[in-house]
């Protein structure tokens, strides 16, 4: 059965180590579009060799960068991935089936995170539902500089196959990325005018641990699951600590 055409769009910056697996996983798409923010490694060459269309765009922030990629795609149906993600075989089959006669204009799918050598299947690491397949006339990326999301104008379907996400090459890299993220989150809170205090500083990490490690059984993922949620709780603490530090400068 004929299906609707699909553009796979990927944003990159110095992603040579992970990009080949991502590109191979979306080879079924009718177009692969890579929007690169100025890589200094072999990212662009790898994308070009794979037959991808390449656009160079200085970094705009996560949401705006992804929305630009969506706008520049050749087809209305888009599948959005980060360079350290790839489409699993079950998800590939589900996408192709959905595009034969889609009852929805947008679809979420589980994202499975690999952390410390283990695919997390519980707690905060799974199912980590992400809306990544959509018709661009009915969805768009938010303008958030971090924790961006697709905003859909209608009902959303769900696919069962996983996006596979390599969290980081090393724990040190992962921690460095989390430090950058918490800074962006603090800036976002400050820009919104929201005041934070000791309650958020103390309660947010505790409630996060209870929700994901105990209620959602993150403990079943062993030591990687414990380390993952511990870093997540620390991130909650540091996000508010950074915000409070800036607020105290203004007081």
Protein backbone atom coordinates (compact mmCIF):
# COMPACT_ATOMS: atom_id res chain seq x y z
CA UNK A 1 0.00 0.00 0.00
CA UNK A 2 1.27 3.49 -0.83
CA UNK A 3 2.22 5.65 2.11
CA UNK A 4 2.67 9.36 2.71
CA UNK A 5 6.15 10.81 2.16
CA UNK A 6 8.30 11.38 5.22
CA UNK A 7 11.19 13.69 6.10
CA UNK A 8 13.51 12.64 8.91
CA UNK A 9 15.01 15.79 10.47
CA UNK A 10 18.03 15.76 12.75
CA UNK A 11 19.79 18.62 14.51
CA UNK A 12 23.54 18.22 15.03
CA UNK A 13 26.66 19.75 16.47
CA UNK A 14 29.90 17.75 16.77
CA UNK A 15 27.94 14.50 16.62
CA UNK A 16 30.29 12.37 14.51
CA UNK A 17 30.50 9.60 17.13
CA UNK A 18 26.75 8.91 17.21
CA UNK A 19 25.38 10.20 13.91
CA UNK A 20 26.05 7.13 11.69
CA UNK A 21 23.70 4.91 13.73
CA UNK A 22 21.03 7.62 13.70
CA UNK A 23 21.25 8.09 9.93
CA UNK A 24 21.18 4.35 9.25
CA UNK A 25 18.02 3.98 11.33
CA UNK A 26 16.10 6.54 9.22
CA UNK A 27 17.26 5.33 5.82
CA UNK A 28 13.63 4.37 5.10
CA UNK A 29 12.58 8.06 5.05
CA UNK A 30 12.04 9.82 1.72
CA UNK A 31 14.31 12.65 2.85
CA UNK A 32 16.94 13.01 5.57
CA UNK A 33 17.55 16.63 6.54
CA UNK A 34 20.43 17.50 8.89
CA UNK A 35 20.53 21.00 10.38
CA UNK A 36 24.05 21.52 11.71
CA UNK A 37 25.00 24.25 14.16
CA UNK A 38 28.63 24.51 13.04
CA UNK A 39 30.30 21.17 13.77
CA UNK A 40 34.09 21.07 13.93
CA UNK A 41 34.33 17.29 13.60
CA UNK A 42 33.27 14.99 10.74
CA UNK A 43 29.52 15.41 11.33
CA UNK A 44 28.78 17.17 8.04
CA UNK A 45 30.89 14.76 6.00
CA UNK A 46 29.13 11.76 7.58
CA UNK A 47 25.72 13.26 6.80
CA UNK A 48 26.71 14.07 3.23
CA UNK A 49 28.02 10.54 2.64
CA UNK A 50 24.71 9.13 3.89
CA UNK A 51 22.86 11.19 1.27
CA UNK A 52 21.35 13.69 3.70
CA UNK A 53 20.46 17.24 2.77
CA UNK A 54 22.52 19.58 4.96
CA UNK A 55 21.69 23.07 6.22
CA UNK A 56 24.09 25.08 8.38
CA UNK A 57 22.35 27.16 11.01
CA UNK A 58 24.03 28.85 14.01
CA UNK A 59 22.49 27.62 17.25
CA UNK A 60 19.07 29.11 18.03
CA UNK A 61 18.16 27.04 21.08
CA UNK A 62 16.66 23.55 21.09
CA UNK A 63 13.06 24.43 20.27
CA UNK A 64 13.75 27.07 17.60
CA UNK A 65 16.49 24.95 15.98
CA UNK A 66 14.16 21.96 15.64
CA UNK A 67 11.31 24.10 14.33
CA UNK A 68 13.57 25.57 11.67
CA UNK A 69 14.42 22.01 10.59
CA UNK A 70 10.72 21.18 10.35
CA UNK A 71 10.04 24.26 8.23
CA UNK A 72 12.88 23.47 5.84
CA UNK A 73 11.86 19.82 5.31
CA UNK A 74 10.61 18.76 1.89
CA UNK A 75 7.57 16.85 3.18
CA UNK A 76 4.72 17.70 5.54
CA UNK A 77 5.13 14.55 7.64
CA UNK A 78 8.30 14.82 9.73
CA UNK A 79 10.11 12.52 12.13
CA UNK A 80 12.37 14.48 14.48
CA UNK A 81 15.42 12.93 16.10
CA UNK A 82 18.48 14.06 18.00
CA UNK A 83 21.80 12.78 16.70
CA UNK A 84 22.25 10.45 19.68
CA UNK A 85 18.90 8.74 19.01
CA UNK A 86 17.91 6.05 16.54
CA UNK A 87 14.72 4.35 15.39
CA UNK A 88 14.32 0.75 16.51
CA UNK A 89 13.13 -1.82 13.98
CA UNK A 90 9.69 -2.22 15.65
CA UNK A 91 9.24 1.56 15.57
CA UNK A 92 10.27 1.74 11.91
CA UNK A 93 7.55 -0.77 11.02
CA UNK A 94 4.97 1.12 13.09
CA UNK A 95 5.84 4.43 11.41
CA UNK A 96 5.51 2.95 7.94
CA UNK A 97 2.17 1.40 8.87
CA UNK A 98 0.87 4.63 10.40
CA UNK A 99 1.75 6.62 7.27
CA UNK A 100 -0.34 4.37 5.04
CA UNK A 101 -3.58 5.95 6.33
CA UNK A 102 -2.88 7.97 9.50
CA UNK A 103 -5.91 8.43 11.77
CA UNK A 104 -3.97 11.10 13.70
CA UNK A 105 -1.78 14.04 12.72
CA UNK A 106 0.73 13.41 15.51
CA UNK A 107 2.18 10.41 17.32
CA UNK A 108 4.08 9.81 20.52
CA UNK A 109 6.43 6.90 21.02
CA UNK A 110 8.45 5.52 23.95
CA UNK A 111 12.06 6.55 24.29
CA UNK A 112 14.41 4.03 25.88
CA UNK A 113 17.51 5.54 27.44
CA UNK A 114 20.85 3.73 27.63
CA UNK A 115 22.71 4.76 30.76
CA UNK A 116 25.91 3.28 32.22
CA UNK A 117 25.70 0.47 29.71
CA UNK A 118 22.11 -0.52 30.52
CA UNK A 119 18.82 0.17 28.73
CA UNK A 120 16.59 1.64 31.46
CA UNK A 121 13.11 0.10 31.46
CA UNK A 122 11.63 1.65 34.59
CA UNK A 123 11.55 4.83 36.63
CA UNK A 124 12.42 8.12 34.99
CA UNK A 125 14.16 6.42 32.07
CA UNK A 126 11.13 4.66 30.53
CA UNK A 127 8.75 4.97 28.75
CA UNK A 128 9.73 8.66 28.48
CA UNK A 129 7.00 9.26 25.88
CA UNK A 130 8.04 11.70 23.15
CA UNK A 131 5.99 13.25 20.35
CA UNK A 132 8.28 13.02 17.33
CA UNK A 133 6.16 12.07 14.30
CA UNK A 134 3.68 14.69 13.12
CA UNK A 135 2.20 16.63 10.22
CA UNK A 136 3.77 20.07 10.38
CA UNK A 137 0.49 21.84 9.64
CA UNK A 138 -0.87 20.40 12.90
CA UNK A 139 2.14 20.57 15.19
CA UNK A 140 5.20 22.67 15.95
CA UNK A 141 8.11 22.71 18.36
CA UNK A 142 7.79 25.07 21.31
CA UNK A 143 10.22 27.96 21.65
CA UNK A 144 11.66 26.59 24.89
CA UNK A 145 15.47 26.75 24.99
CA UNK A 146 15.44 23.42 26.88
CA UNK A 147 12.91 20.64 27.46
CA UNK A 148 11.31 21.66 24.19
CA UNK A 149 8.18 19.79 23.10
CA UNK A 150 5.94 19.43 20.09
CA UNK A 151 2.61 21.22 20.54
CA UNK A 152 -0.15 19.45 18.62
CA UNK A 153 -3.38 21.09 17.51
CA UNK A 154 -5.36 17.86 17.67
CA UNK A 155 -5.59 14.35 19.18
CA UNK A 156 -2.35 12.40 19.40
CA UNK A 157 -1.85 8.71 18.62
CA UNK A 158 0.73 6.40 20.16
CA UNK A 159 3.21 4.05 18.51
CA UNK A 160 4.70 1.12 20.41
CA UNK A 161 8.27 0.80 19.11
CA UNK A 162 11.11 2.59 20.90
CA UNK A 163 13.35 5.48 20.06
CA UNK A 164 16.73 4.30 21.35
CA UNK A 165 18.69 7.05 23.10
CA UNK A 166 22.38 6.88 23.99
CA UNK A 167 22.45 9.20 27.01
CA UNK A 168 26.19 9.99 26.90
CA UNK A 169 29.52 8.44 26.04
CA UNK A 170 30.61 8.60 29.68
CA UNK A 171 29.23 9.54 33.07
CA UNK A 172 31.47 12.62 33.07
CA UNK A 173 29.95 13.75 29.75
CA UNK A 174 26.46 13.14 31.10
CA UNK A 175 27.16 15.22 34.22
CA UNK A 176 28.61 18.05 32.14
CA UNK A 177 25.46 18.07 29.99
CA UNK A 178 23.24 18.13 33.07
CA UNK A 179 25.17 21.11 34.42
CA UNK A 180 24.46 23.00 31.17
CA UNK A 181 20.80 21.98 31.29
CA UNK A 182 20.25 23.14 34.88
CA UNK A 183 21.76 26.52 33.99
CA UNK A 184 19.30 26.87 31.10
CA UNK A 185 16.43 25.80 33.36
CA UNK A 186 17.40 28.39 35.96
CA UNK A 187 17.56 31.08 33.28
CA UNK A 188 14.11 30.04 32.12
CA UNK A 189 12.70 30.34 35.66
CA UNK A 190 14.29 33.76 36.09
CA UNK A 191 12.92 34.97 32.77
CA UNK A 192 9.41 33.88 33.78
CA UNK A 193 9.60 35.97 36.96
CA UNK A 194 8.89 32.94 39.13
CA UNK A 195 10.25 33.18 42.67
CA UNK A 196 11.64 30.01 44.20
CA UNK A 197 12.47 29.24 47.80
CA UNK A 198 13.57 26.61 50.27
CA UNK A 199 10.41 24.57 49.77
CA UNK A 200 11.13 23.89 46.10
CA UNK A 201 14.82 23.41 46.83
CA UNK A 202 14.15 20.61 49.33
CA UNK A 203 10.84 19.05 48.28
CA UNK A 204 11.39 18.76 44.53
CA UNK A 205 14.29 16.25 44.77
CA UNK A 206 12.48 14.21 47.43
CA UNK A 207 9.21 13.98 45.51
CA UNK A 208 11.09 13.13 42.33
CA UNK A 209 12.87 10.23 44.06
CA UNK A 210 9.63 8.87 45.50
CA UNK A 211 7.83 9.09 42.16
CA UNK A 212 10.43 7.58 39.87
CA UNK A 213 12.55 5.31 42.06
CA UNK A 214 9.83 3.89 44.29
CA UNK A 215 6.42 4.28 42.64
CA UNK A 216 7.68 3.72 39.08
CA UNK A 217 10.14 1.06 40.26
CA UNK A 218 13.38 2.59 39.11
CA UNK A 219 15.10 0.25 41.57
CA UNK A 220 14.51 -2.58 39.07
CA UNK A 221 17.16 -1.03 36.82
CA UNK A 222 19.89 -1.81 39.34
CA UNK A 223 22.84 0.50 39.98
CA UNK A 224 22.36 2.43 36.68
CA UNK A 225 18.76 3.13 37.72
CA UNK A 226 19.88 4.37 41.13
CA UNK A 227 22.58 6.61 39.68
CA UNK A 228 20.18 7.95 37.02
CA UNK A 229 17.49 9.02 39.49
CA UNK A 230 20.10 10.35 41.96
CA UNK A 231 21.44 12.67 39.26
CA UNK A 232 17.87 13.65 38.35
CA UNK A 233 17.14 14.57 41.97
CA UNK A 234 20.39 16.50 42.21
CA UNK A 235 19.44 18.34 39.02
CA UNK A 236 16.17 19.43 40.65
CA UNK A 237 18.11 20.74 43.64
CA UNK A 238 20.75 22.52 41.54
CA UNK A 239 18.18 24.09 39.18
CA UNK A 240 16.51 25.83 42.11
CA UNK A 241 19.84 26.60 43.81
CA UNK A 242 21.10 28.37 40.68
CA UNK A 243 17.83 30.28 40.44
CA UNK A 244 17.98 31.32 44.09
CA UNK A 245 21.60 32.42 43.72
CA UNK A 246 20.66 34.80 40.90
CA UNK A 247 17.60 36.05 42.77
CA UNK A 248 19.73 36.89 45.81
CA UNK A 249 21.97 39.03 43.59
CA UNK A 250 18.92 41.02 42.53
CA UNK A 251 17.51 41.47 46.05
